[in-house]
C-alpha atoms as a PDB file:
ATOM      1  CA  MET A   1     -11.407  11.401 -20.885  1.00  0.00           C
ATOM      2  CA  ALA A   2     -11.973  10.842 -17.137  1.00  0.00           C
ATOM      3  CA  ILE A   3     -12.905  13.890 -15.064  1.00  0.00           C
ATOM      4  CA  HIS A   4     -11.724  13.690 -11.446  1.00  0.00           C
ATOM      5  CA  ILE A   5     -13.965  15.607  -9.039  1.00  0.00           C
ATOM      6  CA  GLN A   6     -12.137  16.211  -5.734  1.00  0.00           C
ATOM      7  CA  ARG A   7     -14.460  16.125  -2.721  1.00  0.00           C
ATOM      8  CA  ARG A   8     -11.675  16.753  -0.184  1.00  0.00           C
ATOM      9  CA  GLU A   9      -8.066  17.758  -0.495  1.00  0.00           C
ATOM     10  CA  PHE A  10      -5.670  14.848  -0.863  1.00  0.00           C
ATOM     11  CA  ILE A  11      -2.326  14.015  -2.387  1.00  0.00           C
ATOM     12  CA  SER A  12      -2.068  12.278  -5.743  1.00  0.00           C
ATOM     13  CA  THR A  13       0.807  11.400  -8.042  1.00  0.00           C
ATOM     14  CA  LEU A  14       4.011  13.297  -7.335  1.00  0.00           C
ATOM     15  CA  VAL A  15       7.505  13.663  -8.755  1.00  0.00           C
ATOM     16  CA  GLY A  16      10.751  12.030  -7.609  1.00  0.00           C
ATOM     17  CA  GLY A  17      14.298  10.717  -7.954  1.00  0.00           C
ATOM     18  CA  ALA A  18      16.720   7.730  -7.534  1.00  0.00           C
ATOM     19  CA  ALA A  19      20.525   6.786  -7.229  1.00  0.00           C
ATOM     20  CA  ALA A  20      23.599   5.444  -5.004  1.00  0.00           C
ATOM     21  CA  ALA A  21      24.944   4.553  -1.129  1.00  0.00           C
ATOM     22  CA  SER A  22      27.238   4.989   3.945  1.00  0.00           C
ATOM     23  CA  PRO A  23      26.329   5.287   7.711  1.00  0.00           C
ATOM     24  CA  ILE A  24      25.259   8.478   9.338  1.00  0.00           C
ATOM     25  CA  VAL A  25      24.965  10.385  12.500  1.00  0.00           C
ATOM     26  CA  ALA A  26      23.211  13.690  11.889  1.00  0.00           C
ATOM     27  CA  CYS A  27      23.986  13.966   8.168  1.00  0.00           C
ATOM     28  CA  ALA A  28      22.192  17.300   7.971  1.00  0.00           C
ATOM     29  CA  ASP A  29      24.679  18.903  10.353  1.00  0.00           C
ATOM     30  CA  SER A  30      27.848  17.272   9.062  1.00  0.00           C
ATOM     31  CA  GLY A  31      27.475  18.473   5.470  1.00  0.00           C
ATOM     32  CA  LYS A  32      27.911  14.926   4.131  1.00  0.00           C
ATOM     33  CA  VAL A  33      25.642  13.428   1.464  1.00  0.00           C
ATOM     34  CA  ALA A  34      23.043  11.161   3.065  1.00  0.00           C
ATOM     35  CA  ARG A  35      22.418   7.784   1.442  1.00  0.00           C
ATOM     36  CA  ILE A  36      18.983   6.170   1.539  1.00  0.00           C
ATOM     37  CA  GLY A  37      18.129   2.622   0.491  1.00  0.00           C
ATOM     38  CA  TYR A  38      14.594   2.074  -0.837  1.00  0.00           C
ATOM     39  CA  LEU A  39      13.465  -1.570  -0.796  1.00  0.00           C
ATOM     40  CA  SER A  40      10.291  -2.592  -2.643  1.00  0.00           C
ATOM     41  CA  PRO A  41       8.968  -6.169  -2.967  1.00  0.00           C
ATOM     42  CA  ASP A  42       7.273  -5.407  -6.291  1.00  0.00           C
ATOM     43  CA  SER A  43       8.414  -4.220  -9.716  1.00  0.00           C
ATOM     44  CA  PRO A  44       8.746  -0.643 -11.061  1.00  0.00           C
ATOM     45  CA  SER A  45       5.210  -0.324 -12.428  1.00  0.00           C
ATOM     46  CA  PRO A  46       3.765   3.177 -12.940  1.00  0.00           C
ATOM     47  CA  ALA A  47       1.762   2.808  -9.697  1.00  0.00           C
ATOM     48  CA  ALA A  48       4.787   1.693  -7.645  1.00  0.00           C
ATOM     49  CA  THR A  49       6.900   4.442  -9.177  1.00  0.00           C
ATOM     50  CA  ALA A  50       4.265   7.025  -8.208  1.00  0.00           C
ATOM     51  CA  LEU A  51       4.590   5.990  -4.553  1.00  0.00           C
ATOM     52  CA  PHE A  52       8.379   6.233  -4.738  1.00  0.00           C
ATOM     53  CA  ASP A  53       7.940   9.674  -6.277  1.00  0.00           C
ATOM     54  CA  ALA A  54       5.627  10.669  -3.406  1.00  0.00           C
ATOM     55  CA  PHE A  55       8.340   9.676  -0.931  1.00  0.00           C
ATOM     56  CA  CYS A  56      10.972  11.653  -2.870  1.00  0.00           C
ATOM     57  CA  ASP A  57       8.658  14.645  -3.030  1.00  0.00           C
ATOM     58  CA  GLY A  58       8.348  14.508   0.758  1.00  0.00           C
ATOM     59  CA  LEU A  59      12.136  14.517   1.026  1.00  0.00           C
ATOM     60  CA  ARG A  60      12.403  17.581  -1.201  1.00  0.00           C
ATOM     61  CA  GLU A  61       9.846  19.446   0.890  1.00  0.00           C
ATOM     62  CA  LEU A  62      12.131  18.878   3.886  1.00  0.00           C
ATOM     63  CA  GLY A  63      15.212  20.172   2.081  1.00  0.00           C
ATOM     64  CA  TRP A  64      16.766  16.902   0.933  1.00  0.00           C
ATOM     65  CA  ILE A  65      17.791  17.510  -2.672  1.00  0.00           C
ATOM     66  CA  LYS A  66      18.851  14.589  -4.861  1.00  0.00           C
ATOM     67  CA  GLY A  67      22.445  14.995  -6.014  1.00  0.00           C
ATOM     68  CA  LYS A  68      23.092  17.771  -3.513  1.00  0.00           C
ATOM     69  CA  ASN A  69      22.712  16.382   0.021  1.00  0.00           C
ATOM     70  CA  VAL A  70      21.037  13.007  -0.564  1.00  0.00           C
ATOM     71  CA  THR A  71      21.191  10.015  -2.885  1.00  0.00           C
ATOM     72  CA  VAL A  72      18.683   7.159  -3.069  1.00  0.00           C
ATOM     73  CA  GLU A  73      19.576   3.558  -3.885  1.00  0.00           C
ATOM     74  CA  LEU A  74      16.403   2.052  -5.361  1.00  0.00           C
ATOM     75  CA  ARG A  75      15.898  -1.735  -5.285  1.00  0.00           C
ATOM     76  CA  TYR A  76      12.958  -3.869  -6.474  1.00  0.00           C
ATOM     77  CA  ALA A  77      12.463  -7.583  -5.772  1.00  0.00           C
ATOM     78  CA  GLU A  78      10.286  -7.895  -8.925  1.00  0.00           C
ATOM     79  CA  ASN A  79       7.381  -9.577  -7.050  1.00  0.00           C
ATOM     80  CA  ARG A  80       9.629 -12.484  -6.070  1.00  0.00           C
ATOM     81  CA  VAL A  81       9.506 -12.928  -2.298  1.00  0.00           C
ATOM     82  CA  GLU A  82      12.536 -15.202  -2.393  1.00  0.00           C
ATOM     83  CA  ARG A  83      14.652 -12.321  -3.727  1.00  0.00           C
ATOM     84  CA  LEU A  84      13.940  -9.991  -0.802  1.00  0.00           C
ATOM     85  CA  PRO A  85      16.720 -11.277   1.529  1.00  0.00           C
ATOM     86  CA  GLU A  86      19.290 -10.879  -1.251  1.00  0.00           C
ATOM     87  CA  VAL A  87      18.135  -7.342  -2.112  1.00  0.00           C
ATOM     88  CA  ALA A  88      18.033  -6.301   1.557  1.00  0.00           C
ATOM     89  CA  ALA A  89      21.509  -7.746   2.117  1.00  0.00           C
ATOM     90  CA  GLU A  90      22.822  -5.694  -0.791  1.00  0.00           C
ATOM     91  CA  LEU A  91      21.582  -2.449   0.773  1.00  0.00           C
ATOM     92  CA  VAL A  92      23.226  -3.432   4.057  1.00  0.00           C
ATOM     93  CA  ARG A  93      26.448  -4.296   2.239  1.00  0.00           C
ATOM     94  CA  ILE A  94      26.700  -0.888   0.599  1.00  0.00           C
ATOM     95  CA  ASN A  95      26.102   0.623   4.036  1.00  0.00           C
ATOM     96  CA  VAL A  96      23.225   3.027   3.431  1.00  0.00           C
ATOM     97  CA  ASP A  97      22.308   5.399   6.257  1.00  0.00           C
ATOM     98  CA  VAL A  98      18.652   4.392   6.421  1.00  0.00           C
ATOM     99  CA  ILE A  99      16.464   1.823   4.629  1.00  0.00           C
ATOM    100  CA  VAL A 100      12.903   2.625   3.566  1.00  0.00           C
ATOM    101  CA  GLY A 101      10.922  -0.616   3.266  1.00  0.00           C
ATOM    102  CA  ARG A 102       7.723  -0.812   1.225  1.00  0.00           C
ATOM    103  CA  GLY A 103       4.697  -2.628   2.673  1.00  0.00           C
ATOM    104  CA  THR A 104       5.271  -5.316   5.323  1.00  0.00           C
ATOM    105  CA  LEU A 105       7.582  -7.703   3.478  1.00  0.00           C
ATOM    106  CA  GLY A 106      10.146  -4.985   2.594  1.00  0.00           C
ATOM    107  CA  PRO A 107      10.797  -3.883   6.201  1.00  0.00           C
ATOM    108  CA  LEU A 108      10.747  -7.517   7.402  1.00  0.00           C
ATOM    109  CA  ALA A 109      13.505  -8.438   4.943  1.00  0.00           C
ATOM    110  CA  ALA A 110      15.506  -5.365   5.968  1.00  0.00           C
ATOM    111  CA  LYS A 111      15.116  -6.156   9.687  1.00  0.00           C
ATOM    112  CA  ARG A 112      16.374  -9.695   9.137  1.00  0.00           C
ATOM    113  CA  ALA A 113      19.382  -8.274   7.275  1.00  0.00           C
ATOM    114  CA  THR A 114      20.425  -5.647   9.867  1.00  0.00           C
ATOM    115  CA  SER A 115      19.844  -4.713  13.494  1.00  0.00           C
ATOM    116  CA  THR A 116      21.841  -1.483  13.285  1.00  0.00           C
ATOM    117  CA  ILE A 117      20.834   0.453  10.157  1.00  0.00           C
ATOM    118  CA  PRO A 118      17.600   2.425  10.835  1.00  0.00           C
ATOM    119  CA  ILE A 119      14.558   1.143   8.924  1.00  0.00           C
ATOM    120  CA  VAL A 120      11.496   3.245   8.061  1.00  0.00           C
ATOM    121  CA  MET A 121       8.321   1.402   7.079  1.00  0.00           C
ATOM    122  CA  ALA A 122       6.278   2.968   4.285  1.00  0.00           C
ATOM    123  CA  GLY A 123       2.746   1.596   4.620  1.00  0.00           C
ATOM    124  CA  SER A 124       3.344  -1.594   6.620  1.00  0.00           C
ATOM    125  CA  GLY A 125       0.171  -3.594   7.143  1.00  0.00           C
ATOM    126  CA  ASP A 126       0.611  -5.052  10.629  1.00  0.00           C
ATOM    127  CA  PRO A 127       3.926  -3.904  12.177  1.00  0.00           C
ATOM    128  CA  LEU A 128       3.031  -5.246  15.618  1.00  0.00           C
ATOM    129  CA  GLY A 129       1.641  -8.646  14.630  1.00  0.00           C
ATOM    130  CA  SER A 130       4.433  -9.278  12.126  1.00  0.00           C
ATOM    131  CA  GLY A 131       7.106  -8.567  14.752  1.00  0.00           C
ATOM    132  CA  LEU A 132       8.534  -5.465  13.118  1.00  0.00           C
ATOM    133  CA  VAL A 133       8.118  -3.394  16.298  1.00  0.00           C
ATOM    134  CA  ALA A 134       7.664  -4.130  20.006  1.00  0.00           C
ATOM    135  CA  SER A 135       4.815  -1.616  20.309  1.00  0.00           C
ATOM    136  CA  LEU A 136       3.335   1.197  18.237  1.00  0.00           C
ATOM    137  CA  ALA A 137       4.090   3.862  20.848  1.00  0.00           C
ATOM    138  CA  ARG A 138       7.625   2.644  21.584  1.00  0.00           C
ATOM    139  CA  PRO A 139       8.863   0.598  18.619  1.00  0.00           C
ATOM    140  CA  GLY A 140      12.222  -0.391  20.172  1.00  0.00           C
ATOM    141  CA  GLY A 141      14.999  -1.730  17.955  1.00  0.00           C
ATOM    142  CA  ASN A 142      15.829  -0.153  14.599  1.00  0.00           C
ATOM    143  CA  VAL A 143      12.379  -0.068  12.917  1.00  0.00           C
ATOM    144  CA  THR A 144       9.632   2.577  12.885  1.00  0.00           C
ATOM    145  CA  GLY A 145       7.497   4.359  10.275  1.00  0.00           C
ATOM    146  CA  MET A 146       4.008   4.399   8.777  1.00  0.00           C
ATOM    147  CA  SER A 147       1.390   1.689   9.307  1.00  0.00           C
ATOM    148  CA  LEU A 148      -1.441   0.919   6.894  1.00  0.00           C
ATOM    149  CA  MET A 149      -3.345  -1.038   9.541  1.00  0.00           C
ATOM    150  CA  VAL A 150      -6.895   0.097  10.289  1.00  0.00           C
ATOM    151  CA  PRO A 151      -9.272  -1.813  12.595  1.00  0.00           C
ATOM    152  CA  ASP A 152     -12.433  -3.206  11.001  1.00  0.00           C
ATOM    153  CA  LEU A 153     -11.465  -2.279   7.450  1.00  0.00           C
ATOM    154  CA  GLY A 154     -12.916  -5.519   6.080  1.00  0.00           C
ATOM    155  CA  GLY A 155     -16.294  -4.883   7.714  1.00  0.00           C
ATOM    156  CA  LYS A 156     -16.517  -1.314   6.468  1.00  0.00           C
ATOM    157  CA  ARG A 157     -15.814  -2.394   2.887  1.00  0.00           C
ATOM    158  CA  LEU A 158     -18.517  -5.047   3.016  1.00  0.00           C
ATOM    159  CA  GLU A 159     -21.013  -2.477   4.322  1.00  0.00           C
ATOM    160  CA  LEU A 160     -20.210  -0.169   1.395  1.00  0.00           C
ATOM    161  CA  LEU A 161     -20.736  -3.009  -1.082  1.00  0.00           C
ATOM    162  CA  LYS A 162     -24.014  -3.955   0.592  1.00  0.00           C
ATOM    163  CA  GLU A 163     -25.177  -0.337   0.285  1.00  0.00           C
ATOM    164  CA  LEU A 164     -24.442  -0.426  -3.446  1.00  0.00           C
ATOM    165  CA  LEU A 165     -25.679  -4.010  -3.955  1.00  0.00           C
ATOM    166  CA  PRO A 166     -28.526  -4.675  -1.462  1.00  0.00           C
ATOM    167  CA  ARG A 167     -28.887  -8.302  -2.644  1.00  0.00           C
ATOM    168  CA  LEU A 168     -25.189  -9.050  -2.123  1.00  0.00           C
ATOM    169  CA  ALA A 169     -24.844 -12.705  -1.088  1.00  0.00           C
ATOM    170  CA  ARG A 170     -21.415 -13.922  -2.292  1.00  0.00           C
ATOM    171  CA  VAL A 171     -18.136 -12.015  -2.341  1.00  0.00           C
ATOM    172  CA  ALA A 172     -14.754 -13.121  -3.678  1.00  0.00           C
ATOM    173  CA  VAL A 173     -11.720 -11.698  -1.825  1.00  0.00           C
ATOM    174  CA  LEU A 174      -8.449 -11.464  -3.761  1.00  0.00           C
ATOM    175  CA  TRP A 175      -5.474 -11.364  -1.389  1.00  0.00           C
ATOM    176  CA  ASP A 176      -1.750 -12.097  -1.204  1.00  0.00           C
ATOM    177  CA  ALA A 177      -1.350 -15.145   1.043  1.00  0.00           C
ATOM    178  CA  ALA A 178       2.437 -14.599   1.301  1.00  0.00           C
ATOM    179  CA  ASN A 179       1.929 -11.305   3.167  1.00  0.00           C
ATOM    180  CA  PRO A 180       0.756 -11.126   6.839  1.00  0.00           C
ATOM    181  CA  TYR A 181      -1.330  -7.961   6.373  1.00  0.00           C
ATOM    182  CA  PRO A 182      -3.787  -9.220   3.705  1.00  0.00           C
ATOM    183  CA  ALA A 183      -4.300 -12.352   5.835  1.00  0.00           C
ATOM    184  CA  ILE A 184      -5.516 -10.169   8.712  1.00  0.00           C
ATOM    185  CA  VAL A 185      -7.856  -8.151   6.475  1.00  0.00           C
ATOM    186  CA  PHE A 186      -9.196 -11.370   4.936  1.00  0.00           C
ATOM    187  CA  LYS A 187     -10.025 -12.784   8.401  1.00  0.00           C
ATOM    188  CA  GLU A 188     -11.717  -9.500   9.344  1.00  0.00           C
ATOM    189  CA  THR A 189     -13.763  -9.682   6.146  1.00  0.00           C
ATOM    190  CA  GLN A 190     -14.789 -13.277   6.874  1.00  0.00           C
ATOM    191  CA  ALA A 191     -15.968 -12.350  10.379  1.00  0.00           C
ATOM    192  CA  ALA A 192     -17.928  -9.333   9.133  1.00  0.00           C
ATOM    193  CA  ALA A 193     -19.443 -11.363   6.285  1.00  0.00           C
ATOM    194  CA  GLN A 194     -20.769 -13.939   8.731  1.00  0.00           C
ATOM    195  CA  ALA A 195     -22.644 -11.212  10.621  1.00  0.00           C
ATOM    196  CA  LEU A 196     -24.082  -9.903   7.333  1.00  0.00           C
ATOM    197  CA  ALA A 197     -24.992 -13.403   6.060  1.00  0.00           C
ATOM    198  CA  ILE A 198     -22.598 -13.076   3.102  1.00  0.00           C
ATOM    199  CA  ASP A 199     -20.551 -16.011   1.771  1.00  0.00           C
ATOM    200  CA  VAL A 200     -16.843 -15.322   1.220  1.00  0.00           C
ATOM    201  CA  GLN A 201     -14.771 -16.985  -1.487  1.00  0.00           C
ATOM    202  CA  SER A 202     -10.987 -16.861  -1.013  1.00  0.00           C
ATOM    203  CA  LEU A 203      -8.857 -16.055  -4.077  1.00  0.00           C
ATOM    204  CA  GLU A 204      -5.266 -16.477  -2.864  1.00  0.00           C
ATOM    205  CA  VAL A 205      -2.245 -15.325  -4.855  1.00  0.00           C
ATOM    206  CA  ARG A 206       1.431 -15.450  -3.930  1.00  0.00           C
ATOM    207  CA  ALA A 207       3.055 -14.451  -7.224  1.00  0.00           C
ATOM    208  CA  ALA A 208       2.207 -12.966 -10.613  1.00  0.00           C
ATOM    209  CA  ASP A 209       1.693 -16.434 -12.112  1.00  0.00           C
ATOM    210  CA  ASP A 210      -1.258 -17.102  -9.770  1.00  0.00           C
ATOM    211  CA  PHE A 211      -3.631 -14.511 -11.209  1.00  0.00           C
ATOM    212  CA  ASP A 212      -4.787 -16.532 -14.227  1.00  0.00           C
ATOM    213  CA  GLY A 213      -5.763 -19.435 -11.970  1.00  0.00           C
ATOM    214  CA  VAL A 214      -7.775 -17.411  -9.449  1.00  0.00           C
ATOM    215  CA  PHE A 215      -9.478 -15.458 -12.220  1.00  0.00           C
ATOM    216  CA  GLU A 216     -10.618 -18.741 -13.759  1.00  0.00           C
ATOM    217  CA  VAL A 217     -11.987 -19.874 -10.367  1.00  0.00           C
ATOM    218  CA  ALA A 218     -13.896 -16.594 -10.037  1.00  0.00           C
ATOM    219  CA  ARG A 219     -15.345 -16.975 -13.547  1.00  0.00           C
ATOM    220  CA  LYS A 220     -16.693 -20.419 -12.682  1.00  0.00           C
ATOM    221  CA  GLN A 221     -18.078 -19.536  -9.238  1.00  0.00           C
ATOM    222  CA  ARG A 222     -19.586 -16.178 -10.289  1.00  0.00           C
ATOM    223  CA  PRO A 223     -19.560 -14.169  -7.044  1.00  0.00           C
ATOM    224  CA  ASP A 224     -21.724 -11.052  -6.767  1.00  0.00           C
ATOM    225  CA  ALA A 225     -18.692  -8.804  -6.201  1.00  0.00           C
ATOM    226  CA  LEU A 226     -14.904  -8.783  -5.882  1.00  0.00           C
ATOM    227  CA  ILE A 227     -12.863  -7.255  -3.057  1.00  0.00           C
ATOM    228  CA  THR A 228      -9.103  -6.758  -3.489  1.00  0.00           C
ATOM    229  CA  VAL A 229      -6.903  -6.417  -0.406  1.00  0.00           C
ATOM    230  CA  GLU A 230      -4.109  -3.928  -1.049  1.00  0.00           C
ATOM    231  CA  ASP A 231      -0.464  -4.983  -0.842  1.00  0.00           C
ATOM    232  CA  PRO A 232       2.558  -4.568  -3.179  1.00  0.00           C
ATOM    233  CA  LEU A 233       1.647  -7.636  -5.289  1.00  0.00           C
ATOM    234  CA  THR A 234      -1.992  -6.764  -5.960  1.00  0.00           C
ATOM    235  CA  PHE A 235      -1.083  -3.065  -6.231  1.00  0.00           C
ATOM    236  CA  ASN A 236       1.392  -3.921  -8.984  1.00  0.00           C
ATOM    237  CA  TYR A 237      -1.362  -5.669 -10.985  1.00  0.00           C
ATOM    238  CA  GLN A 238      -4.183  -3.206 -10.320  1.00  0.00           C
ATOM    239  CA  LYS A 239      -4.977  -2.652 -14.030  1.00  0.00           C
ATOM    240  CA  ARG A 240      -5.117  -6.378 -14.709  1.00  0.00           C
ATOM    241  CA  ILE A 241      -7.455  -6.895 -11.741  1.00  0.00           C
ATOM    242  CA  ALA A 242      -9.684  -3.960 -12.687  1.00  0.00           C
ATOM    243  CA  ASP A 243      -9.864  -5.150 -16.312  1.00  0.00           C
ATOM    244  CA  PHE A 244     -10.797  -8.679 -15.216  1.00  0.00           C
ATOM    245  CA  ALA A 245     -13.652  -7.362 -13.070  1.00  0.00           C
ATOM    246  CA  LEU A 246     -14.943  -5.092 -15.837  1.00  0.00           C
ATOM    247  CA  VAL A 247     -14.797  -7.705 -18.611  1.00  0.00           C
ATOM    248  CA  ASN A 248     -16.627 -10.191 -16.378  1.00  0.00           C
ATOM    249  CA  GLN A 249     -19.261  -7.659 -15.270  1.00  0.00           C
ATOM    250  CA  LEU A 250     -18.126  -7.979 -11.662  1.00  0.00           C
ATOM    251  CA  PRO A 251     -18.606  -5.000  -9.296  1.00  0.00           C
ATOM    252  CA  SER A 252     -15.303  -4.480  -7.488  1.00  0.00           C
ATOM    253  CA  LEU A 253     -14.143  -2.761  -4.317  1.00  0.00           C
ATOM    254  CA  HIS A 254     -10.454  -2.164  -3.648  1.00  0.00           C
ATOM    255  CA  GLY A 255      -8.208  -0.990  -0.832  1.00  0.00           C
ATOM    256  CA  VAL A 256      -6.762   2.113  -2.487  1.00  0.00           C
ATOM    257  CA  ARG A 257      -7.857   4.708  -5.068  1.00  0.00           C
ATOM    258  CA  GLU A 258      -5.266   3.704  -7.675  1.00  0.00           C
ATOM    259  CA  PHE A 259      -7.380   0.615  -8.495  1.00  0.00           C
ATOM    260  CA  VAL A 260     -10.386   2.853  -9.228  1.00  0.00           C
ATOM    261  CA  VAL A 261      -8.316   5.127 -11.443  1.00  0.00           C
ATOM    262  CA  ALA A 262      -7.343   1.929 -13.306  1.00  0.00           C
ATOM    263  CA  GLY A 263     -11.041   1.093 -13.867  1.00  0.00           C
ATOM    264  CA  GLY A 264     -12.221  -0.507 -10.615  1.00  0.00           C
ATOM    265  CA  LEU A 265     -15.638   0.473  -9.266  1.00  0.00           C
ATOM    266  CA  LEU A 266     -15.013   1.565  -5.665  1.00  0.00           C
ATOM    267  CA  SER A 267     -12.158   1.933  -3.209  1.00  0.00           C
ATOM    268  CA  TYR A 268     -12.074   2.579   0.502  1.00  0.00           C
ATOM    269  CA  GLY A 269      -8.886   2.845   2.514  1.00  0.00           C
ATOM    270  CA  ALA A 270      -5.913   4.940   3.499  1.00  0.00           C
ATOM    271  CA  ASN A 271      -4.367   7.513   1.205  1.00  0.00           C
ATOM    272  CA  VAL A 272      -1.206   5.535   0.398  1.00  0.00           C
ATOM    273  CA  ALA A 273       0.638   8.388  -1.318  1.00  0.00           C
ATOM    274  CA  ASP A 274       0.163  10.428   1.868  1.00  0.00           C
ATOM    275  CA  LEU A 275       1.779   7.642   3.925  1.00  0.00           C
ATOM    276  CA  TYR A 276       4.808   7.580   1.621  1.00  0.00           C
ATOM    277  CA  ARG A 277       5.176  11.343   1.787  1.00  0.00           C
ATOM    278  CA  ARG A 278       4.961  11.159   5.590  1.00  0.00           C
ATOM    279  CA  ALA A 279       7.590   8.397   5.679  1.00  0.00           C
ATOM    280  CA  ALA A 280      10.038  11.021   4.387  1.00  0.00           C
ATOM    281  CA  SER A 281       9.553  13.000   7.616  1.00  0.00           C
ATOM    282  CA  TYR A 282      10.833  10.038   9.650  1.00  0.00           C
ATOM    283  CA  VAL A 283      13.822   9.629   7.336  1.00  0.00           C
ATOM    284  CA  ASP A 284      14.490  13.348   7.866  1.00  0.00           C
ATOM    285  CA  LYS A 285      14.391  12.966  11.665  1.00  0.00           C
ATOM    286  CA  ILE A 286      16.703   9.935  11.576  1.00  0.00           C
ATOM    287  CA  LEU A 287      19.200  11.656   9.281  1.00  0.00           C
ATOM    288  CA  LYS A 288      19.240  14.494  11.820  1.00  0.00           C
ATOM    289  CA  GLY A 289      20.091  12.131  14.668  1.00  0.00           C
ATOM    290  CA  ALA A 290      16.791  10.697  15.977  1.00  0.00           C
ATOM    291  CA  LYS A 291      16.608   6.998  16.910  1.00  0.00           C
ATOM    292  CA  PRO A 292      13.885   4.789  15.386  1.00  0.00           C
ATOM    293  CA  ALA A 293      13.147   3.331  18.844  1.00  0.00           C
ATOM    294  CA  ASP A 294      12.016   6.794  19.999  1.00  0.00           C
ATOM    295  CA  LEU A 295       9.706   7.521  17.024  1.00  0.00           C
ATOM    296  CA  PRO A 296       6.158   6.105  17.466  1.00  0.00           C
ATOM    297  CA  VAL A 297       4.654   4.204  14.543  1.00  0.00           C
ATOM    298  CA  GLN A 298       2.121   6.463  12.818  1.00  0.00           C
ATOM    299  CA  GLN A 299      -1.321   5.303  11.694  1.00  0.00           C
ATOM    300  CA  PRO A 300      -3.186   6.512   8.580  1.00  0.00           C
ATOM    301  CA  THR A 301      -4.801   9.936   8.962  1.00  0.00           C
ATOM    302  CA  LYS A 302      -6.472  10.184   5.525  1.00  0.00           C
ATOM    303  CA  PHE A 303      -9.142   7.734   4.364  1.00  0.00           C
ATOM    304  CA  GLU A 304     -10.833   7.937   0.981  1.00  0.00           C
ATOM    305  CA  LEU A 305     -13.970   6.655  -0.652  1.00  0.00           C
ATOM    306  CA  VAL A 306     -13.476   6.835  -4.417  1.00  0.00           C
ATOM    307  CA  ILE A 307     -16.147   5.925  -6.981  1.00  0.00           C
ATOM    308  CA  ASN A 308     -15.753   5.407 -10.727  1.00  0.00           C
ATOM    309  CA  LEU A 309     -19.067   6.368 -12.370  1.00  0.00           C
ATOM    310  CA  GLN A 310     -17.790   5.318 -15.814  1.00  0.00           C
ATOM    311  CA  THR A 311     -17.337   1.788 -14.478  1.00  0.00           C
ATOM    312  CA  ALA A 312     -20.726   1.867 -12.720  1.00  0.00           C
ATOM    313  CA  LYS A 313     -22.363   2.803 -16.029  1.00  0.00           C
ATOM    314  CA  THR A 314     -20.553   0.003 -17.879  1.00  0.00           C
ATOM    315  CA  LEU A 315     -21.772  -2.455 -15.219  1.00  0.00           C
ATOM    316  CA  GLY A 316     -25.335  -1.107 -15.452  1.00  0.00           C
ATOM    317  CA  LEU A 317     -25.302   0.060 -11.825  1.00  0.00           C
ATOM    318  CA  THR A 318     -26.805   3.178 -10.286  1.00  0.00           C
ATOM    319  CA  VAL A 319     -24.802   4.483  -7.331  1.00  0.00           C
ATOM    320  CA  PRO A 320     -27.161   5.558  -4.498  1.00  0.00           C
ATOM    321  CA  PRO A 321     -27.111   9.356  -4.023  1.00  0.00           C
ATOM    322  CA  MET A 322     -26.232   9.021  -0.318  1.00  0.00           C
ATOM    323  CA  LEU A 323     -23.180   6.913  -1.172  1.00  0.00           C
ATOM    324  CA  LEU A 324     -22.171   9.328  -3.922  1.00  0.00           C
ATOM    325  CA  ALA A 325     -22.458  12.272  -1.522  1.00  0.00           C
ATOM    326  CA  ARG A 326     -19.980  10.631   0.885  1.00  0.00           C
ATOM    327  CA  ALA A 327     -17.335  10.080  -1.789  1.00  0.00           C
ATOM    328  CA  ASP A 328     -14.027  11.934  -1.503  1.00  0.00           C
ATOM    329  CA  GLU A 329     -13.484  11.601  -5.248  1.00  0.00           C
ATOM    330  CA  VAL A 330     -15.739  10.724  -8.175  1.00  0.00           C
ATOM    331  CA  ILE A 331     -14.385   9.711 -11.588  1.00  0.00           C
ATOM    332  CA  GLU A 332     -16.874  10.489 -14.370  1.00  0.00           C
END
């Protein structure tokens, strides 16, 4: 059984709710039941459900009780990008008070479906570059929320891998080419790899059916390590990705801790559950009358280095003591 050693306080899996759908001006003061639409590009896997639960837990902490003063209309696009416009349109049609969009693709679909219903991003990768907001400080329009974007994330991850694997020469990067955010992280990784004299192999996926093909490419080309860029698609298949890396004796580094809990070797990135909990605070403000245009986009405030020592042992790797000492969480 895995023992989780917490190096710093952070939020993990939480508890939550779901349910039904009408527009609002200061719901909290009017006594009416607020209706929230939750739009996710992926499917209801345990990992995706945990993030939804984190959001619902944040709502409860702010006094929004499911069945009492709030209902949540939960919608998944089942990892089919082409379904997002239809799902977003349905939430607009039932006239929810606010839409919470997961990742970058969820809020983008919601924004294309409505210019009037407030939209809160939960972990959007690149809200500025993707056109979701006019600026981070003054979003304008009907969209605001939490951004996952962190400068130089690709370079930092390569440095961590190099510290663990000094002879690192070739890295495969698994990323969702249908999502703007992973494309940015991939380009960052390429630029950083050039400076470190590391070759980068691109493993592009756009749907669940693409994983078998890219895994076969990786088996043939035998990189020294695998990096996974986090987004709803790869997040949904974290166990499959972690299992592939382990079976093929491939050291792996991922964007969020959930991959390491699933058996990956390392992760470095934002605390995603924290972002979803914080998204609830913006929903709370909007339901009390605030305008999205006046709420600055928030950046990640918690970053985690997580190491799975069980996986390191299986791979025959010794984690350097200095790297281990910097970890926020170690799984033994």
